[in-house]
Each structure stands twice: as structure tokens, then as C-alpha cells.
């Protein structure tokens, strides 16, 4: 199983919270997506990002 979508972040723009996708063991049992139970292979990527003050001059 591969990943084709990413959410990029830096040391100044960091993830605070992430919504998990389907557990890997379920994907392995159903042989990936789409499956009989989940008819689409499109999953939403959801992540809350926040700016930090790292790298800023003081």
C-alpha cells in the first residue's frame, strides 16, 4: 500500500492535530481500497497546522 498525498510542514509550520485514516490492519484484510465495505479509494487528509516562532530573529 502506498501513499500518494501528503501534507507538508516545516519547523515553523507544525502539525497540531491529525485525523487518522483507516487502520492499516483493516486495509490489509480488505486488500486496500476500494473494497466491498468502502466503495471509494478517496480519503480526506485532515490536519490542523500552527505557526511557531522557530527561526524568527529575536
N, C-alpha and C. Protein backbone atom coordinates (compact mmCIF):
# COMPACT_ATOMS: atom_id res chain seq x y z
N UNK A 1 0.84 -1.17 0.00
CA UNK A 1 0.00 0.00 0.00
C UNK A 1 0.88 1.23 0.00
N UNK A 2 0.57 2.13 -0.86
CA UNK A 2 1.39 3.33 -0.98
C UNK A 2 0.62 4.58 -0.62
N UNK A 3 1.37 5.64 -0.52
CA UNK A 3 0.80 6.94 -0.22
C UNK A 3 1.01 7.85 -1.41
N UNK A 4 -0.04 8.55 -1.83
CA UNK A 4 0.10 9.46 -2.96
C UNK A 4 -0.16 10.91 -2.57
N UNK A 5 -0.72 11.15 -1.41
CA UNK A 5 -1.00 12.51 -0.95
C UNK A 5 -0.24 12.79 0.34
N UNK A 6 0.18 14.02 0.48
CA UNK A 6 0.95 14.42 1.65
C UNK A 6 0.47 15.78 2.15
N UNK A 7 0.70 16.05 3.41
CA UNK A 7 0.54 17.38 3.97
C UNK A 7 1.93 17.82 4.41
N UNK A 8 2.45 18.82 3.74
CA UNK A 8 3.82 19.27 4.02
C UNK A 8 3.82 20.24 5.20
N UNK A 9 4.88 20.16 6.01
CA UNK A 9 5.03 21.08 7.13
C UNK A 9 6.51 21.39 7.29
N UNK A 10 6.81 22.41 8.06
CA UNK A 10 8.19 22.83 8.32
C UNK A 10 8.37 23.00 9.82
N UNK A 11 9.56 23.42 10.23
CA UNK A 11 9.77 23.68 11.66
C UNK A 11 8.99 24.91 12.12
N UNK A 12 8.64 25.81 11.18
CA UNK A 12 7.86 27.00 11.52
C UNK A 12 6.36 26.79 11.36
N UNK A 13 5.94 25.72 10.71
CA UNK A 13 4.53 25.44 10.43
C UNK A 13 4.30 23.97 10.76
N UNK A 14 3.84 23.70 12.00
CA UNK A 14 3.85 22.34 12.53
C UNK A 14 2.44 21.77 12.71
N UNK A 15 2.31 20.43 12.55
CA UNK A 15 1.02 19.81 12.81
C UNK A 15 0.69 19.82 14.30
N UNK A 16 -0.55 20.17 14.61
CA UNK A 16 -1.03 20.19 15.99
C UNK A 16 -1.92 18.98 16.24
N UNK A 17 -2.83 18.73 15.29
CA UNK A 17 -3.72 17.57 15.38
C UNK A 17 -3.88 16.97 13.99
N UNK A 18 -4.08 15.64 13.96
CA UNK A 18 -4.25 14.92 12.69
C UNK A 18 -5.43 13.97 12.85
N UNK A 19 -6.29 13.92 11.84
CA UNK A 19 -7.39 12.96 11.83
C UNK A 19 -6.86 11.68 11.21
N UNK A 20 -6.92 10.58 11.96
CA UNK A 20 -6.42 9.30 11.47
C UNK A 20 -7.26 8.78 10.31
N UNK A 21 -6.61 8.03 9.43
CA UNK A 21 -7.32 7.34 8.36
C UNK A 21 -7.70 5.95 8.86
N UNK A 22 -8.11 5.09 7.95
CA UNK A 22 -8.46 3.72 8.34
C UNK A 22 -7.22 3.01 8.87
N UNK A 23 -7.37 2.16 9.88
CA UNK A 23 -6.22 1.40 10.39
C UNK A 23 -5.63 0.49 9.32
N UNK A 24 -4.31 0.36 9.31
CA UNK A 24 -3.60 -0.43 8.30
C UNK A 24 -4.06 -1.88 8.31
N UNK A 25 -4.34 -2.46 9.49
CA UNK A 25 -4.77 -3.86 9.52
C UNK A 25 -6.10 -4.07 8.79
N UNK A 26 -6.99 -3.10 8.85
CA UNK A 26 -8.25 -3.20 8.10
C UNK A 26 -7.97 -3.11 6.60
N UNK A 27 -7.10 -2.20 6.21
CA UNK A 27 -6.77 -2.09 4.79
C UNK A 27 -6.12 -3.36 4.26
N UNK A 28 -5.29 -4.00 5.07
CA UNK A 28 -4.67 -5.26 4.64
C UNK A 28 -5.71 -6.38 4.51
N UNK A 29 -6.62 -6.46 5.48
CA UNK A 29 -7.66 -7.50 5.43
C UNK A 29 -8.59 -7.34 4.24
N UNK A 30 -8.89 -6.10 3.87
CA UNK A 30 -9.79 -5.86 2.74
C UNK A 30 -9.02 -5.70 1.43
N UNK A 31 -7.70 -5.86 1.50
CA UNK A 31 -6.80 -5.73 0.33
C UNK A 31 -6.83 -4.33 -0.27
N UNK A 32 -6.92 -3.35 0.59
CA UNK A 32 -6.86 -1.96 0.14
C UNK A 32 -8.22 -1.40 -0.25
N UNK A 33 -8.18 -0.24 -0.87
CA UNK A 33 -9.40 0.45 -1.28
C UNK A 33 -9.42 0.59 -2.80
N UNK A 34 -10.55 0.65 -3.43
CA UNK A 34 -11.88 0.46 -2.87
C UNK A 34 -12.11 -1.00 -2.50
N UNK A 35 -13.09 -1.22 -1.64
CA UNK A 35 -13.43 -2.58 -1.21
C UNK A 35 -14.96 -2.72 -1.19
N UNK A 36 -15.43 -3.90 -0.83
CA UNK A 36 -16.88 -4.11 -0.74
C UNK A 36 -17.50 -3.20 0.31
N UNK A 37 -16.78 -2.99 1.42
CA UNK A 37 -17.31 -2.17 2.51
C UNK A 37 -17.15 -0.67 2.22
N UNK A 38 -15.99 -0.28 1.69
CA UNK A 38 -15.70 1.12 1.36
C UNK A 38 -15.53 1.23 -0.15
N UNK A 39 -16.54 1.81 -0.81
CA UNK A 39 -16.59 1.82 -2.26
C UNK A 39 -15.72 2.86 -2.95
N UNK A 40 -14.96 3.63 -2.20
CA UNK A 40 -14.12 4.66 -2.81
C UNK A 40 -12.70 4.55 -2.30
N UNK A 41 -11.75 4.94 -3.14
CA UNK A 41 -10.36 4.97 -2.69
C UNK A 41 -9.92 6.40 -2.39
N UNK A 42 -10.88 7.31 -2.25
CA UNK A 42 -10.58 8.70 -1.92
C UNK A 42 -10.76 8.91 -0.42
N UNK A 43 -9.70 9.27 0.26
CA UNK A 43 -9.74 9.55 1.69
C UNK A 43 -9.35 11.00 1.92
N UNK A 44 -10.01 11.63 2.85
CA UNK A 44 -9.67 13.01 3.19
C UNK A 44 -8.45 13.04 4.09
N UNK A 45 -7.56 13.97 3.82
CA UNK A 45 -6.43 14.22 4.71
C UNK A 45 -6.78 15.47 5.51
N UNK A 46 -6.79 15.34 6.83
CA UNK A 46 -7.16 16.45 7.69
C UNK A 46 -6.07 16.66 8.73
N UNK A 47 -5.59 17.90 8.80
CA UNK A 47 -4.52 18.22 9.74
C UNK A 47 -4.66 19.67 10.16
N UNK A 48 -4.55 19.92 11.45
CA UNK A 48 -4.53 21.29 11.94
C UNK A 48 -3.07 21.69 12.09
N UNK A 49 -2.70 22.80 11.47
CA UNK A 49 -1.32 23.29 11.50
C UNK A 49 -1.26 24.60 12.27
N UNK A 50 -0.12 24.87 12.88
CA UNK A 50 0.06 26.11 13.62
C UNK A 50 1.44 26.68 13.32
N UNK A 51 1.51 28.00 13.28
CA UNK A 51 2.79 28.67 13.11
C UNK A 51 3.52 28.70 14.45
N UNK A 52 4.83 28.51 14.41
CA UNK A 52 5.66 28.65 15.60
C UNK A 52 6.58 29.83 15.41
N UNK A 53 7.30 30.21 16.44
CA UNK A 53 8.24 31.31 16.29
C UNK A 53 9.66 30.81 16.07
N UNK A 54 9.82 29.51 15.76
CA UNK A 54 11.14 28.96 15.47
C UNK A 54 11.72 29.64 14.25
N UNK A 55 12.98 29.91 14.29
CA UNK A 55 13.64 30.50 13.14
C UNK A 55 13.47 32.00 13.05
N UNK A 56 12.62 32.61 13.88
CA UNK A 56 12.47 34.06 13.82
C UNK A 56 13.59 34.71 14.61
N UNK A 57 13.99 35.86 14.16
CA UNK A 57 15.07 36.58 14.84
C UNK A 57 14.51 37.30 16.05
N UNK A 58 15.26 37.25 17.17
CA UNK A 58 14.80 37.94 18.38
C UNK A 58 15.69 39.09 18.72
